[in-house]
Amino acid sequence: MTHSFEGAGDGTRAVRAGLPEPVKHEPTLPGPVFAAHFHLPGDPTGPYTYGRDENPTWTHLERAIGELEAPGRDGVETLVFASGMAAISAVLFSQLSAGDAVVLPDDGYQVLPLVRGQLEAYGIEVRTAPTGGDAQLDVLDGAKLLWIETPSNPGLDVCDVRRLAEAAHARGALVAVDNTLATPLGQRPLELGADFSVASGTKQLTGHGDILLGYVTGGDASAMASVRRWRKIVGAIPGPMEAWLAHRSLATLQMRVDRQDASAQVIAETLRDWPEELGVRYPGLPGDPSHKIASQQMRRFGCVVSFTLPTRARADRFLDALRLVDDATSFGGVRSTAERRGRWGGDAVPEGFIRLSVGAEDPEDLVADVRRALDESAK
């Protein structure tokens, strides 16, 4: 049983989310439960029967994420997974079968093309359209599921979730939103009409670059039962230590998000005002194509900034010159990272495209580091 924090702020909710009722001499957040099986005399009734199906450590984390994604809403369930891709796959492959059609973004996470190939191998029709301009509306007719990624990764385009969800539901389609980049503190897809909010907890949700995790939150009991069944079938479950570390990390979510997102705004403004034209994208910039709709549906704009340097060589020199920013993939961690996204080959971006994830370092230091690296790389 968890406390209700109706009307509480994001920080209070993040710190207290998913904690059990206090018990004298017990820790406030119980330690990870390592168990493949549980004592189970008689009929196999729950809540805990076998370690692939449920675990008390998952339960606390799932309640916590649910309280962040859909505060005060009854009937919402969260399921945690071994990774973000495990969570994404669970929704897609549990809801679709041969003969169905699904709409995906054509500018989403770079593993989605691999997912598309597998869906098509199973006889599922895959349609794609860009995130920006709500272009997915044009290919919705007859689809069973609409997959939205907003803001998109790495291009940072934003679509109108409420508009798309209403259109999809009018056509009988379910709606899933990849909420990884926004986090529940930046955007609540279920409040905007989505059926599923799906995310990689590897990124800013846990924020330390040391956990692989994913989750699905949904309010449709039947649909979520199918997701749970898929998790059981494929065994895509998190370890109890990862789940416990994730829950521990949630306590600092609001502090991390506020610091990182505010610094990202400063970095974006610095890049926007640089003498060179860098094609900066950040939803928090008033002049950004995504700003208008982002400001209507997002409460925070995220920690990722993208921009483009003229050449691959210039981008590589820029990354080499950074001292406070690690050249690494992923995003959302307390240590800033950046990469030339084209090195993976899966994103339709220019060779000099940089995805910068702003960490928790002092913003003045990050700005100085970025400015110096831009100067040095131009020589």
Protein backbone atom coordinates (compact mmCIF):
# COMPACT_ATOMS: atom_id res chain seq x y z
CA MET A 1 0.00 0.00 0.00
CA THR A 2 1.35 3.41 -0.95
CA HIS A 3 0.42 6.87 0.21
CA SER A 4 -1.63 9.18 -1.98
CA PHE A 5 0.08 12.46 -2.76
CA GLU A 6 -2.82 14.25 -4.42
CA GLY A 7 -1.79 17.77 -5.29
CA ALA A 8 1.86 17.14 -4.43
CA GLY A 9 4.65 18.62 -6.49
CA ASP A 10 6.91 16.66 -8.81
CA GLY A 11 9.75 16.53 -6.32
CA THR A 12 7.60 15.20 -3.49
CA ARG A 13 6.02 12.64 -5.76
CA ALA A 14 9.36 11.46 -7.17
CA VAL A 15 10.90 11.10 -3.72
CA ARG A 16 7.94 9.22 -2.22
CA ALA A 17 6.58 7.29 -5.22
CA GLY A 18 6.08 3.57 -4.78
CA LEU A 19 7.29 3.36 -1.19
CA PRO A 20 5.47 0.86 1.05
CA GLU A 21 3.77 1.81 4.29
CA PRO A 22 6.43 2.37 6.95
CA VAL A 23 7.22 -0.56 9.23
CA LYS A 24 9.22 -0.07 12.40
CA HIS A 25 12.88 -1.05 11.99
CA GLU A 26 12.45 -1.69 8.25
CA PRO A 27 14.12 0.42 5.50
CA THR A 28 12.00 3.02 3.76
CA LEU A 29 12.84 1.40 0.42
CA PRO A 30 13.12 -2.36 0.92
CA GLY A 31 16.20 -3.95 -0.58
CA PRO A 32 16.12 -6.03 -3.77
CA VAL A 33 14.44 -9.41 -3.49
CA PHE A 34 16.53 -12.10 -5.17
CA ALA A 35 14.25 -15.07 -5.78
CA ALA A 36 13.63 -17.50 -8.59
CA HIS A 37 10.80 -19.06 -6.59
CA PHE A 38 8.75 -18.36 -3.48
CA HIS A 39 7.19 -20.59 -0.83
CA LEU A 40 3.97 -21.72 -2.48
CA PRO A 41 2.02 -24.45 -0.69
CA GLY A 42 -1.36 -25.34 -2.16
CA ASP A 43 -2.86 -23.68 -5.20
CA PRO A 44 -0.56 -21.27 -7.12
CA THR A 45 -2.27 -18.00 -6.26
CA GLY A 46 -0.43 -14.69 -6.09
CA PRO A 47 0.92 -12.23 -5.59
CA TYR A 48 4.33 -13.93 -5.85
CA THR A 49 4.71 -17.37 -7.35
CA TYR A 50 7.69 -17.49 -9.70
CA GLY A 51 10.53 -15.08 -10.39
CA ARG A 52 9.86 -14.66 -14.11
CA ASP A 53 6.29 -13.53 -13.46
CA GLU A 54 6.51 -11.15 -10.52
CA ASN A 55 8.88 -9.86 -7.88
CA PRO A 56 8.27 -7.53 -4.90
CA THR A 57 11.07 -5.22 -6.04
CA TRP A 58 9.39 -4.80 -9.42
CA THR A 59 6.09 -4.10 -7.68
CA HIS A 60 7.47 -1.11 -5.78
CA LEU A 61 9.08 0.29 -8.94
CA GLU A 62 6.00 -0.29 -11.08
CA ARG A 63 3.83 1.53 -8.55
CA ALA A 64 6.33 4.39 -8.46
CA ILE A 65 6.43 4.83 -12.24
CA GLY A 66 2.64 4.59 -12.41
CA GLU A 67 2.33 7.38 -9.83
CA LEU A 68 4.57 9.58 -12.01
CA GLU A 69 3.01 8.73 -15.38
CA ALA A 70 -0.62 8.91 -14.26
CA PRO A 71 -0.91 10.53 -10.82
CA GLY A 72 -4.29 10.10 -9.17
CA ARG A 73 -5.66 7.93 -11.94
CA ASP A 74 -7.22 4.58 -11.06
CA GLY A 75 -6.93 1.48 -13.20
CA VAL A 76 -3.47 2.28 -14.56
CA GLU A 77 -0.91 -0.52 -14.61
CA THR A 78 2.85 -0.39 -15.15
CA LEU A 79 5.07 -3.29 -16.19
CA VAL A 80 8.87 -3.10 -16.09
CA PHE A 81 11.18 -4.77 -18.60
CA ALA A 82 14.84 -5.58 -19.13
CA SER A 83 15.32 -2.65 -21.55
CA GLY A 84 13.48 0.02 -23.46
CA MET A 85 13.45 -2.15 -26.57
CA ALA A 86 11.94 -5.02 -24.56
CA ALA A 87 9.14 -2.67 -23.54
CA ILE A 88 8.63 -1.38 -27.10
CA SER A 89 8.60 -4.90 -28.50
CA ALA A 90 6.12 -6.05 -25.87
CA VAL A 91 3.55 -3.48 -26.96
CA LEU A 92 4.01 -3.96 -30.68
CA PHE A 93 4.15 -7.74 -30.74
CA SER A 94 1.42 -8.28 -28.15
CA GLN A 95 -1.09 -6.01 -29.89
CA LEU A 96 -0.45 -6.88 -33.55
CA SER A 97 -0.84 -10.02 -35.62
CA ALA A 98 -0.71 -11.02 -39.28
CA GLY A 99 -2.96 -8.86 -41.43
CA ASP A 100 -2.90 -5.88 -39.06
CA ALA A 101 -1.45 -2.48 -39.94
CA VAL A 102 0.70 -0.31 -37.71
CA VAL A 103 1.86 3.29 -38.14
CA LEU A 104 5.41 4.07 -37.04
CA PRO A 105 7.45 7.29 -37.24
CA ASP A 106 10.05 7.28 -39.99
CA ASP A 107 12.33 9.51 -37.90
CA GLY A 108 12.24 7.62 -34.62
CA TYR A 109 14.71 5.60 -32.61
CA GLN A 110 17.27 3.92 -34.85
CA VAL A 111 16.25 0.36 -33.88
CA LEU A 112 12.72 0.88 -35.25
CA PRO A 113 13.78 -0.15 -38.80
CA LEU A 114 14.84 -3.51 -37.37
CA VAL A 115 11.47 -3.76 -35.65
CA ARG A 116 9.78 -2.92 -38.94
CA GLY A 117 11.53 -5.79 -40.66
CA GLN A 118 10.40 -8.24 -38.00
CA LEU A 119 6.82 -6.98 -38.06
CA GLU A 120 6.71 -7.37 -41.84
CA ALA A 121 8.15 -10.86 -41.56
CA TYR A 122 5.15 -11.69 -39.37
CA GLY A 123 2.73 -10.42 -42.01
CA ILE A 124 2.01 -7.05 -40.42
CA GLU A 125 1.71 -4.01 -42.66
CA VAL A 126 3.99 -1.16 -41.55
CA ARG A 127 3.31 2.42 -42.60
CA THR A 128 5.61 5.29 -41.73
CA ALA A 129 5.43 9.07 -41.72
CA PRO A 130 7.45 11.87 -40.11
CA THR A 131 6.74 13.05 -36.57
CA GLY A 132 6.62 16.73 -37.46
CA GLY A 133 3.43 18.28 -38.78
CA ASP A 134 1.34 15.37 -37.41
CA ALA A 135 2.06 13.62 -40.71
CA GLN A 136 1.09 10.23 -39.28
CA LEU A 137 -2.54 11.35 -39.55
CA ASP A 138 -2.37 10.79 -43.28
CA VAL A 139 -1.71 7.04 -43.00
CA LEU A 140 -3.98 6.11 -40.08
CA ASP A 141 -6.97 4.62 -41.90
CA GLY A 142 -7.30 0.93 -41.17
CA ALA A 143 -4.40 0.79 -38.73
CA LYS A 144 -4.71 -1.14 -35.48
CA LEU A 145 -1.94 0.71 -33.63
CA LEU A 146 -0.34 4.14 -33.91
CA TRP A 147 3.19 4.47 -32.52
CA ILE A 148 4.26 8.02 -31.64
CA GLU A 149 7.70 9.20 -30.60
CA THR A 150 7.65 12.78 -29.34
CA PRO A 151 10.03 14.50 -29.09
CA SER A 152 11.61 12.33 -31.75
CA ASN A 153 15.10 10.97 -31.30
CA PRO A 154 17.40 12.41 -32.52
CA GLY A 155 15.67 15.11 -34.59
CA LEU A 156 13.58 16.54 -31.73
CA ASP A 157 10.41 17.02 -33.73
CA VAL A 158 7.15 17.13 -31.77
CA CYS A 159 3.65 16.09 -32.75
CA ASP A 160 0.25 16.85 -31.20
CA VAL A 161 -0.42 13.74 -29.12
CA ARG A 162 -4.00 14.66 -28.25
CA ARG A 163 -4.90 15.36 -31.89
CA LEU A 164 -3.32 12.14 -33.11
CA ALA A 165 -4.85 10.07 -30.30
CA GLU A 166 -8.34 11.39 -31.01
CA ALA A 167 -7.95 10.66 -34.72
CA ALA A 168 -6.60 7.18 -34.07
CA HIS A 169 -9.33 6.29 -31.59
CA ALA A 170 -11.97 7.52 -34.03
CA ARG A 171 -10.62 4.91 -36.45
CA GLY A 172 -10.48 2.17 -33.83
CA ALA A 173 -6.69 2.20 -33.36
CA LEU A 174 -4.73 2.03 -30.12
CA VAL A 175 -2.09 4.68 -29.43
CA ALA A 176 1.34 4.20 -27.86
CA VAL A 177 3.74 7.05 -27.10
CA ASP A 178 7.47 6.64 -26.60
CA ASN A 179 7.98 8.98 -23.65
CA THR A 180 11.70 8.33 -23.18
CA LEU A 181 13.04 11.76 -24.00
CA ALA A 182 10.38 13.72 -22.13
CA THR A 183 10.14 11.52 -18.99
CA PRO A 184 6.92 11.53 -16.94
CA LEU A 185 7.94 14.91 -15.49
CA GLY A 186 8.03 16.43 -18.96
CA GLN A 187 4.98 14.82 -20.52
CA ARG A 188 2.15 12.50 -19.51
CA PRO A 189 0.91 10.69 -22.62
CA LEU A 190 -2.04 8.99 -20.91
CA GLU A 191 -3.41 12.40 -19.92
CA LEU A 192 -3.10 13.41 -23.58
CA GLY A 193 -5.23 10.43 -24.67
CA ALA A 194 -2.68 7.69 -25.36
CA ASP A 195 -3.37 4.07 -24.39
CA PHE A 196 0.27 3.28 -23.60
CA SER A 197 3.20 5.31 -22.36
CA VAL A 198 6.39 3.40 -23.13
CA ALA A 199 9.94 4.36 -22.27
CA SER A 200 13.50 3.33 -21.84
CA GLY A 201 14.33 3.75 -18.17
CA THR A 202 17.97 3.52 -19.21
CA LYS A 203 17.96 7.22 -20.02
CA GLN A 204 16.95 10.23 -17.90
CA LEU A 205 14.44 8.35 -15.76
CA THR A 206 17.27 6.63 -13.88
CA GLY A 207 19.91 9.09 -15.03
CA HIS A 208 23.24 7.54 -14.10
CA GLY A 209 24.14 5.58 -17.23
CA ASP A 210 24.43 2.31 -15.33
CA ILE A 211 21.06 0.57 -15.72
CA LEU A 212 19.23 -0.97 -18.68
CA LEU A 213 15.48 -0.84 -18.05
CA GLY A 214 12.16 -0.26 -19.79
CA TYR A 215 8.52 0.08 -18.87
CA VAL A 216 5.00 0.18 -20.22
CA THR A 217 2.20 2.09 -18.49
CA GLY A 218 -1.37 1.69 -19.69
CA GLY A 219 -4.97 2.11 -18.63
CA ASP A 220 -6.64 -0.57 -20.77
CA ALA A 221 -6.78 -3.74 -18.66
CA SER A 222 -7.15 -6.08 -21.63
CA ALA A 223 -4.31 -4.51 -23.59
CA MET A 224 -2.03 -4.54 -20.55
CA ALA A 225 -2.87 -8.19 -19.89
CA SER A 226 -1.56 -8.95 -23.37
CA VAL A 227 1.61 -6.99 -22.64
CA ARG A 228 2.08 -8.90 -19.38
CA ARG A 229 1.56 -12.20 -21.23
CA TRP A 230 4.21 -11.22 -23.78
CA ARG A 231 6.67 -10.44 -21.00
CA LYS A 232 6.03 -13.91 -19.57
CA ILE A 233 6.47 -15.58 -22.95
CA VAL A 234 9.78 -13.94 -23.83
CA GLY A 235 11.08 -13.51 -20.28
CA ALA A 236 12.17 -9.91 -20.89
CA ILE A 237 12.35 -9.11 -17.19
CA PRO A 238 14.66 -6.79 -15.24
CA GLY A 239 16.92 -8.12 -12.54
CA PRO A 240 15.90 -7.21 -9.00
CA MET A 241 19.07 -5.18 -8.48
CA GLU A 242 18.39 -3.11 -11.62
CA ALA A 243 14.80 -2.55 -10.50
CA TRP A 244 15.92 -1.48 -7.03
CA LEU A 245 18.60 0.86 -8.40
CA ALA A 246 16.01 2.39 -10.71
CA HIS A 247 13.61 3.04 -7.85
CA ARG A 248 16.41 4.53 -5.76
CA SER A 249 17.27 6.83 -8.67
CA LEU A 250 13.71 8.14 -8.99
CA ALA A 251 14.15 10.05 -5.74
CA THR A 252 16.41 12.55 -7.52
CA LEU A 253 14.44 12.64 -10.78
CA GLN A 254 12.92 16.08 -10.32
CA MET A 255 16.24 17.61 -9.25
CA ARG A 256 18.11 16.02 -12.14
CA VAL A 257 15.48 16.88 -14.74
CA ASP A 258 15.18 20.49 -13.62
CA ARG A 259 18.95 20.99 -13.60
CA GLN A 260 19.62 19.20 -16.89
CA ASP A 261 16.69 20.66 -18.78
CA ALA A 262 17.47 24.21 -17.63
CA SER A 263 21.09 23.76 -18.70
CA ALA A 264 19.94 22.32 -22.04
CA GLN A 265 17.96 25.52 -22.62
CA VAL A 266 21.10 27.60 -21.98
CA ILE A 267 23.21 25.41 -24.27
CA ALA A 268 20.56 25.59 -27.00
CA GLU A 269 20.47 29.38 -26.76
CA THR A 270 24.28 29.51 -26.90
CA LEU A 271 24.33 27.40 -30.05
CA ARG A 272 21.48 29.37 -31.61
CA ASP A 273 23.40 32.62 -31.10
CA TRP A 274 26.71 31.24 -32.39
CA PRO A 275 28.09 33.14 -35.40
CA GLU A 276 27.78 30.03 -37.57
CA GLU A 277 24.38 28.68 -38.60
CA LEU A 278 24.19 25.35 -36.76
CA GLY A 279 20.60 24.28 -37.40
CA VAL A 280 19.96 23.98 -33.68
CA ARG A 281 16.93 22.00 -32.57
CA TYR A 282 15.47 22.19 -29.07
CA PRO A 283 11.73 22.32 -28.28
CA GLY A 284 12.33 24.97 -25.62
CA LEU A 285 13.62 27.54 -28.13
CA PRO A 286 10.82 29.97 -29.09
CA GLY A 287 11.90 29.87 -32.74
CA ASP A 288 12.03 26.07 -32.95
CA PRO A 289 9.46 24.44 -35.28
CA SER A 290 8.38 22.22 -32.37
CA HIS A 291 8.05 24.94 -29.76
CA LYS A 292 4.38 25.84 -30.14
CA ILE A 293 2.92 22.37 -29.68
CA ALA A 294 5.65 21.37 -27.21
CA SER A 295 4.78 24.32 -24.99
CA GLN A 296 1.15 23.17 -25.00
CA GLN A 297 1.66 19.51 -24.11
CA MET A 298 5.05 19.35 -22.37
CA ARG A 299 5.86 20.55 -18.87
CA ARG A 300 9.62 20.39 -19.46
CA PHE A 301 11.50 20.26 -22.76
CA GLY A 302 14.16 17.62 -22.12
CA CYS A 303 17.93 17.46 -21.82
CA VAL A 304 18.82 16.74 -25.47
CA VAL A 305 19.93 19.41 -27.94
CA SER A 306 20.80 18.67 -31.56
CA PHE A 307 22.76 20.70 -34.08
CA THR A 308 24.74 20.19 -37.27
CA LEU A 309 28.34 21.04 -38.04
CA PRO A 310 29.35 21.49 -41.69
CA THR A 311 31.30 18.26 -42.12
CA ARG A 312 32.00 14.92 -40.51
CA ALA A 313 35.61 15.96 -39.87
CA ARG A 314 34.49 19.16 -38.12
CA ALA A 315 32.08 17.18 -35.96
CA ASP A 316 34.79 14.71 -35.00
CA ARG A 317 37.16 17.56 -34.09
CA PHE A 318 34.45 19.18 -32.00
CA LEU A 319 33.81 15.97 -30.06
CA ASP A 320 37.54 15.43 -29.53
CA ALA A 321 37.93 18.97 -28.17
CA LEU A 322 35.24 18.63 -25.49
CA ARG A 323 36.57 18.12 -21.98
CA LEU A 324 33.39 17.91 -19.87
CA VAL A 325 31.29 15.99 -22.38
CA ASP A 326 31.90 12.29 -22.98
CA ASP A 327 31.80 10.94 -26.53
CA ALA A 328 29.21 8.25 -25.86
CA THR A 329 25.83 7.11 -27.05
CA SER A 330 22.56 7.16 -25.08
CA PHE A 331 21.31 10.28 -23.29
CA GLY A 332 19.81 11.53 -20.05
CA GLY A 333 22.69 10.84 -17.67
CA VAL A 334 24.10 13.19 -15.07
CA ARG A 335 27.36 13.24 -17.04
CA SER A 336 26.99 15.10 -20.33
CA THR A 337 27.47 13.07 -23.50
CA ALA A 338 27.55 13.84 -27.21
CA GLU A 339 28.01 11.90 -30.39
CA ARG A 340 28.05 12.24 -34.13
CA ARG A 341 24.82 10.42 -34.68
CA GLY A 342 25.58 9.42 -38.27
CA ARG A 343 28.27 7.00 -37.11
CA TRP A 344 25.58 4.37 -36.46
CA GLY A 345 24.10 4.53 -39.93
CA GLY A 346 20.52 4.13 -38.76
CA ASP A 347 19.37 7.76 -38.65
CA ALA A 348 18.60 9.96 -41.64
CA VAL A 349 20.81 12.81 -40.45
CA PRO A 350 23.72 14.76 -41.98
CA GLU A 351 27.25 13.50 -41.36
CA GLY A 352 27.95 16.46 -39.07
CA PHE A 353 24.80 16.03 -36.96
CA ILE A 354 25.53 16.13 -33.21
CA ARG A 355 23.19 14.88 -30.48
CA LEU A 356 24.20 16.49 -27.20
CA SER A 357 22.79 15.20 -23.91
CA VAL A 358 23.19 17.85 -21.23
CA GLY A 359 24.14 16.53 -17.81
CA ALA A 360 24.20 17.95 -14.31
CA GLU A 361 27.51 19.80 -14.49
CA ASP A 362 27.50 23.54 -13.81
CA PRO A 363 25.88 25.18 -16.86
CA GLU A 364 28.56 27.89 -17.02
CA ASP A 365 31.23 25.23 -17.30
CA LEU A 366 29.34 23.36 -20.02
CA VAL A 367 28.77 26.53 -22.03
CA ALA A 368 32.47 27.39 -21.79
CA ASP A 369 33.43 23.87 -22.87
CA VAL A 370 31.09 23.89 -25.87
CA ARG A 371 32.18 27.35 -26.97
CA ARG A 372 35.86 26.45 -26.71
CA ALA A 373 35.33 23.18 -28.64
CA LEU A 374 33.46 25.02 -31.38
CA ASP A 375 36.31 27.51 -31.69
CA GLU A 376 39.05 24.88 -31.67
CA SER A 377 37.29 22.61 -34.15
CA ALA A 378 36.91 25.47 -36.64
CA LYS A 379 40.68 25.94 -36.97
